[in-house]
Amino acid sequence: MTPPDPTEVRFDGPWQHFDVRAGGLRFHAVESATSIADRPLVLLLHGFGEFWWTWRHQLPALTAAGHRAVAVDLRGYGDSDKPPRGYDGWTLAGDTHALIRALGHSTASLVGHADGGLVCWATATLHPKAVDRVVVLSSPHPRALRQGALFNTEERSAFLAPFLHNQLPRIGERRLTRGNGAFVAEYFTQRSGRRWRETADFVEAVERNRLAIQIPGVAHCSLEYRRWAFRSQFRPDGWRFMELMNKRLDHPFLALRGREDEYILDSVMAASGEWSRNFDYRTVNGAGHFLHQEDPDTVNSAIVEHLARA
């Protein structure tokens, strides 16, 4: 079977696709067809095993609220470039900073899910002047996540085992792509709430993410994010990164977690407030790990409210 072409993720809809060159890479980006370039920028950063499509419900809502919402395929995903390296915290934060500039803005608000949320934490810490406000979904501060995985038995059981499975070269890649991306169906089913799993929207999300994970290079690149996150804990570069991240931020943060999320636990999300002076943490009933897809109305309202606060 011929692997899918990266351009196959450029699905038709009420949006427009374009390329952005930033930090030496080409990024695939998407914004609403009615977007206005001089509005305040909101950059949407997806999580592990996904791509820009995860923000399909947020793009029109944020545009209608007066923002320029842009969803990107992160480095290594979708139709963006897939370099063999650069999946460390510094480089990923640099990508975000460069994207803000390349899109013609000096600052942006950031919205990130899972791994994309970790990029938000890193960007706000390492490039604070480029960030206005932050929304993180199912994404605790990296130091809170490390502490949870080390000292909280429940979080370690939920998080560490699947994380470690992805460390083995080639085996992890085959696990993600075999059976036409069957891993994605299992991943979404295990980590989402029951209510969403019974909808046509869930079926479509699984189908499109199964396609995207089979694009050549995506499985490897997506795992490189997690391999660096794990291996760097035992190297000087990881120690330096964690030391740099140990800073209390002034940016207003909104942290959201689905109440049925059994992967990222409530205690770890709540503990992330230690690294923000302005931290609003809320849970969304009936939703799991993919809360922005599972209950977009509730999540969109919370994001729009957060971005509008004085």
Protein backbone atom coordinates (compact mmCIF):
# COMPACT_ATOMS: atom_id res chain seq x y z
CA MET A 1 0.00 0.00 0.00
CA THR A 2 1.33 3.43 -0.98
CA PRO A 3 1.84 5.75 2.03
CA PRO A 4 -0.28 8.91 1.99
CA ASP A 5 1.16 12.10 0.58
CA PRO A 6 1.59 14.93 3.15
CA THR A 7 -0.71 17.19 1.12
CA GLU A 8 -3.60 14.83 1.85
CA VAL A 9 -4.07 16.56 5.23
CA ARG A 10 -5.08 19.76 3.42
CA PHE A 11 -8.76 18.98 3.78
CA ASP A 12 -11.35 21.24 2.20
CA GLY A 13 -13.55 23.30 4.51
CA PRO A 14 -14.33 26.84 5.66
CA TRP A 15 -10.63 27.60 6.04
CA GLN A 16 -7.56 28.32 3.96
CA HIS A 17 -4.26 26.45 3.83
CA PHE A 18 -0.91 28.19 3.45
CA ASP A 19 2.79 27.67 4.13
CA VAL A 20 4.89 29.67 6.58
CA ARG A 21 8.68 29.68 6.56
CA ALA A 22 10.06 30.13 10.04
CA GLY A 23 13.30 29.17 11.71
CA GLY A 24 14.58 27.53 8.53
CA LEU A 25 11.57 25.23 8.15
CA ARG A 26 8.35 25.23 6.17
CA PHE A 27 5.23 24.89 8.31
CA HIS A 28 1.77 24.05 7.02
CA ALA A 29 -0.79 26.41 8.58
CA VAL A 30 -4.56 26.79 8.47
CA GLU A 31 -6.85 29.68 9.33
CA SER A 32 -10.49 30.51 8.82
CA ALA A 33 -11.48 31.66 5.34
CA THR A 34 -12.83 34.85 6.96
CA SER A 35 -9.67 35.52 8.98
CA ILE A 36 -8.32 39.08 9.17
CA ALA A 37 -4.52 39.36 9.42
CA ASP A 38 -4.29 42.41 11.67
CA ARG A 39 -6.37 40.93 14.49
CA PRO A 40 -4.65 39.59 17.65
CA LEU A 41 -2.96 36.30 16.81
CA VAL A 42 -3.90 33.03 18.54
CA LEU A 43 -1.55 30.18 17.65
CA LEU A 44 -2.98 26.66 18.04
CA LEU A 45 -0.50 23.84 18.76
CA HIS A 46 -1.68 20.22 18.55
CA GLY A 47 -0.68 17.20 20.63
CA PHE A 48 0.99 13.84 20.07
CA GLY A 49 -0.21 11.76 17.14
CA GLU A 50 -2.42 14.53 15.75
CA PHE A 51 -2.14 17.49 13.36
CA TRP A 52 -3.92 20.78 12.65
CA TRP A 53 -7.31 19.04 12.25
CA THR A 54 -7.63 18.78 16.03
CA TRP A 55 -8.53 22.52 16.08
CA ARG A 56 -11.37 22.37 13.51
CA HIS A 57 -13.92 23.42 16.14
CA GLN A 58 -11.78 26.24 17.55
CA LEU A 59 -10.83 28.00 14.30
CA PRO A 60 -14.33 29.39 13.52
CA ALA A 61 -15.15 30.18 17.16
CA LEU A 62 -11.96 32.17 17.74
CA THR A 63 -12.32 33.96 14.41
CA ALA A 64 -15.91 34.92 15.26
CA ALA A 65 -14.65 36.28 18.59
CA GLY A 66 -12.33 38.72 16.82
CA HIS A 67 -9.01 36.85 16.74
CA ARG A 68 -6.73 35.66 14.00
CA ALA A 69 -6.62 31.96 14.85
CA VAL A 70 -3.91 29.93 13.09
CA ALA A 71 -3.48 26.18 13.53
CA VAL A 72 -0.17 24.68 12.46
CA ASP A 73 1.24 21.25 11.84
CA LEU A 74 4.15 21.16 14.28
CA ARG A 75 7.63 20.25 13.11
CA GLY A 76 7.54 16.62 11.94
CA TYR A 77 3.78 16.41 11.52
CA GLY A 78 1.21 16.63 8.71
CA ASP A 79 2.43 18.67 5.77
CA SER A 80 5.14 20.56 7.69
CA ASP A 81 8.83 19.79 7.21
CA LYS A 82 10.20 16.72 8.97
CA PRO A 83 13.83 17.31 9.91
CA PRO A 84 15.72 14.47 11.61
CA ARG A 85 16.39 16.53 14.75
CA GLY A 86 15.19 19.58 16.64
CA TYR A 87 12.61 18.01 18.95
CA ASP A 88 14.07 19.43 22.16
CA GLY A 89 12.35 22.06 24.28
CA TRP A 90 14.55 24.95 23.18
CA THR A 91 14.08 24.32 19.46
CA LEU A 92 10.33 23.79 19.72
CA ALA A 93 9.94 27.03 21.67
CA GLY A 94 12.09 28.70 19.02
CA ASP A 95 9.78 27.36 16.30
CA THR A 96 6.79 28.99 18.00
CA HIS A 97 8.60 32.29 18.45
CA ALA A 98 9.70 32.24 14.80
CA LEU A 99 6.16 31.39 13.63
CA ILE A 100 4.74 34.41 15.47
CA ARG A 101 7.22 36.67 13.68
CA ALA A 102 6.76 34.99 10.31
CA LEU A 103 2.99 35.47 10.54
CA GLY A 104 3.60 39.21 10.86
CA HIS A 105 3.00 39.61 14.60
CA SER A 106 5.24 40.57 17.50
CA THR A 107 3.16 38.68 20.10
CA ALA A 108 0.52 35.96 20.22
CA SER A 109 -1.67 34.08 22.62
CA LEU A 110 -0.91 30.37 22.63
CA VAL A 111 -3.34 27.44 22.88
CA GLY A 112 -1.80 24.00 23.16
CA HIS A 113 -3.01 20.44 23.75
CA ALA A 114 -0.81 17.75 25.35
CA ASP A 115 2.67 17.99 23.73
CA GLY A 116 1.57 21.27 22.14
CA GLY A 117 0.81 22.57 25.62
CA LEU A 118 4.32 21.70 26.74
CA VAL A 119 5.57 23.81 23.84
CA CYS A 120 3.38 26.64 25.17
CA TRP A 121 4.96 26.37 28.63
CA ALA A 122 8.44 26.39 27.08
CA THR A 123 7.73 29.33 24.77
CA ALA A 124 6.25 31.46 27.56
CA THR A 125 9.31 30.72 29.69
CA LEU A 126 12.05 31.13 27.07
CA HIS A 127 10.43 33.87 24.94
CA PRO A 128 8.18 35.67 27.46
CA LYS A 129 7.86 38.95 25.55
CA ALA A 130 6.39 37.17 22.52
CA VAL A 131 3.52 35.62 24.51
CA ASP A 132 0.35 37.41 25.65
CA ARG A 133 -1.83 34.70 27.22
CA VAL A 134 -1.72 30.92 27.34
CA VAL A 135 -4.32 28.14 27.34
CA VAL A 136 -3.10 24.59 28.02
CA LEU A 137 -5.34 21.56 27.56
CA SER A 138 -4.43 18.27 29.24
CA SER A 139 -0.90 19.63 29.52
CA PRO A 140 0.75 20.24 32.90
CA HIS A 141 3.96 22.16 33.42
CA PRO A 142 6.91 19.85 32.55
CA ARG A 143 8.28 20.04 36.09
CA ALA A 144 4.88 19.16 37.56
CA LEU A 145 4.61 16.26 35.12
CA ARG A 146 8.06 14.99 36.08
CA GLN A 147 7.24 15.21 39.77
CA GLY A 148 3.93 13.42 39.21
CA ALA A 149 5.57 10.61 37.22
CA LEU A 150 8.28 10.17 39.88
CA PHE A 151 6.31 10.47 43.11
CA ASN A 152 2.63 9.86 42.32
CA THR A 153 1.97 6.13 41.89
CA GLU A 154 -1.31 6.68 40.05
CA GLU A 155 0.20 9.18 37.59
CA ARG A 156 3.26 7.01 37.06
CA SER A 157 1.04 4.04 36.21
CA ALA A 158 -1.09 6.08 33.79
CA PHE A 159 1.73 7.97 32.09
CA LEU A 160 5.07 6.22 32.29
CA ALA A 161 4.38 2.76 30.81
CA PRO A 162 3.05 3.91 27.40
CA PHE A 163 5.69 6.65 27.37
CA LEU A 164 8.50 4.10 27.82
CA HIS A 165 7.14 1.84 25.07
CA ASN A 166 7.90 4.58 22.55
CA GLN A 167 11.60 4.82 23.43
CA LEU A 168 12.72 1.79 21.40
CA PRO A 169 13.96 2.70 17.87
CA ARG A 170 11.92 1.37 14.95
CA ILE A 171 9.68 -0.69 17.23
CA GLY A 172 7.80 2.44 18.27
CA GLU A 173 7.43 3.57 14.66
CA ARG A 174 6.03 0.20 13.58
CA ARG A 175 3.63 0.25 16.52
CA LEU A 176 2.20 3.58 15.37
CA THR A 177 1.81 2.74 11.69
CA ARG A 178 0.92 -0.96 11.47
CA GLY A 179 -2.62 -1.92 10.55
CA ASN A 180 -3.14 1.37 8.67
CA GLY A 181 -2.59 3.38 11.83
CA ALA A 182 -4.67 1.14 14.08
CA PHE A 183 -2.73 2.54 17.06
CA VAL A 184 -4.56 5.85 16.59
CA ALA A 185 -7.98 4.20 16.92
CA GLU A 186 -6.88 2.48 20.13
CA TYR A 187 -5.23 5.67 21.44
CA PHE A 188 -8.32 7.82 20.88
CA THR A 189 -10.68 5.18 22.24
CA GLN A 190 -8.72 4.62 25.45
CA ARG A 191 -8.22 8.29 26.27
CA SER A 192 -11.51 9.91 25.29
CA GLY A 193 -14.75 10.15 27.21
CA ARG A 194 -17.62 7.78 26.44
CA ARG A 195 -19.94 10.50 25.15
CA TRP A 196 -17.67 11.53 22.27
CA ARG A 197 -16.83 7.95 21.31
CA GLU A 198 -20.47 7.45 20.31
CA THR A 199 -20.48 10.28 17.75
CA ALA A 200 -19.76 10.59 14.03
CA ASP A 201 -17.25 13.34 14.87
CA PHE A 202 -15.16 10.77 16.79
CA VAL A 203 -15.23 8.35 13.85
CA GLU A 204 -14.08 11.09 11.48
CA ALA A 205 -11.31 12.24 13.86
CA VAL A 206 -9.95 8.70 14.16
CA GLU A 207 -10.06 8.16 10.40
CA ARG A 208 -8.19 11.37 9.62
CA ASN A 209 -5.56 10.87 12.29
CA ARG A 210 -4.96 7.30 11.13
CA LEU A 211 -4.23 8.73 7.70
CA ALA A 212 -1.90 11.42 9.06
CA ILE A 213 0.21 9.08 11.22
CA GLN A 214 1.09 7.03 8.11
CA ILE A 215 2.63 9.97 6.25
CA PRO A 216 6.32 9.09 5.78
CA GLY A 217 8.40 10.43 8.65
CA VAL A 218 5.52 11.41 10.93
CA ALA A 219 5.68 8.37 13.23
CA HIS A 220 9.42 8.84 13.77
CA CYS A 221 9.22 12.59 14.31
CA SER A 222 6.28 12.39 16.68
CA LEU A 223 8.18 9.88 18.80
CA GLU A 224 11.28 12.06 18.82
CA TYR A 225 9.38 14.60 20.95
CA ARG A 226 8.88 11.93 23.61
CA ARG A 227 12.29 10.39 23.23
CA TRP A 228 13.99 13.69 23.94
CA ALA A 229 11.65 14.38 26.87
CA PHE A 230 12.63 11.05 28.45
CA ARG A 231 16.30 10.74 27.56
CA SER A 232 17.15 14.34 28.38
CA GLN A 233 16.25 13.65 32.02
CA PHE A 234 19.57 11.77 32.25
CA ARG A 235 21.68 14.30 30.35
CA PRO A 236 23.04 17.79 31.05
CA ASP A 237 20.85 19.38 28.35
CA GLY A 238 17.72 18.09 30.08
CA TRP A 239 18.90 19.29 33.48
CA ARG A 240 19.59 22.76 32.06
CA PHE A 241 16.19 22.86 30.40
CA MET A 242 14.38 21.90 33.59
CA GLU A 243 16.34 24.52 35.51
CA LEU A 244 15.35 27.18 32.99
CA MET A 245 11.73 26.06 33.25
CA ASN A 246 11.76 26.57 37.01
CA LYS A 247 10.44 30.10 36.72
CA ARG A 248 7.12 31.58 37.87
CA LEU A 249 5.46 33.22 34.89
CA ASP A 250 3.43 36.42 34.79
CA HIS A 251 1.33 35.48 31.74
CA PRO A 252 -2.34 34.71 32.47
CA PHE A 253 -2.78 30.94 32.16
CA LEU A 254 -5.97 28.96 31.67
CA ALA A 255 -5.52 25.22 32.26
CA LEU A 256 -8.30 22.83 31.23
CA ARG A 257 -8.61 19.10 31.79
CA GLY A 258 -11.36 16.63 30.95
CA ARG A 259 -12.71 15.07 34.13
CA GLU A 260 -12.59 11.61 32.52
CA ASP A 261 -8.93 11.97 31.46
CA GLU A 262 -7.16 8.97 33.01
CA TYR A 263 -3.81 9.86 31.41
CA ILE A 264 -3.13 13.32 32.86
CA LEU A 265 -4.49 13.45 36.39
CA ASP A 266 -6.12 16.30 38.27
CA SER A 267 -3.36 16.55 40.87
CA VAL A 268 -0.67 17.14 38.25
CA MET A 269 -2.66 19.80 36.41
CA ALA A 270 -3.45 21.61 39.67
CA ALA A 271 0.21 21.48 40.75
CA SER A 272 1.18 23.40 37.60
CA GLY A 273 -0.10 26.58 39.24
CA GLU A 274 3.20 26.73 41.12
CA TRP A 275 4.80 28.09 37.93
CA SER A 276 2.22 30.79 37.17
CA ARG A 277 1.21 33.85 39.19
CA ASN A 278 -2.10 34.03 37.31
CA PHE A 279 -3.40 30.47 36.98
CA ASP A 280 -7.02 29.54 36.33
CA TYR A 281 -7.58 25.77 36.41
CA ARG A 282 -10.91 24.18 35.41
CA THR A 283 -12.23 20.72 34.59
CA VAL A 284 -14.72 19.83 31.85
CA ASN A 285 -17.34 17.25 32.79
CA GLY A 286 -17.92 14.28 30.48
CA ALA A 287 -14.70 14.79 28.53
CA GLY A 288 -11.44 12.87 28.43
CA HIS A 289 -7.99 13.70 27.09
CA PHE A 290 -9.26 15.35 23.88
CA LEU A 291 -11.61 17.79 25.59
CA HIS A 292 -11.43 20.49 22.88
CA GLN A 293 -12.83 17.96 20.41
CA GLU A 294 -15.15 16.22 22.85
CA ASP A 295 -16.90 19.33 24.20
CA PRO A 296 -15.90 22.19 21.89
CA ASP A 297 -18.67 24.54 23.03
CA THR A 298 -17.53 24.50 26.66
CA VAL A 299 -13.85 24.71 25.76
CA ASN A 300 -14.37 27.46 23.18
CA SER A 301 -16.35 29.56 25.66
CA ALA A 302 -13.61 29.20 28.26
CA ILE A 303 -10.85 30.13 25.78
CA VAL A 304 -12.71 33.15 24.41
CA GLU A 305 -13.46 34.35 27.96
CA HIS A 306 -9.81 33.95 28.96
CA LEU A 307 -8.53 35.84 25.92
CA ALA A 308 -10.99 38.69 26.52
CA ARG A 309 -10.06 39.34 30.16
CA ALA A 310 -8.47 42.69 30.96
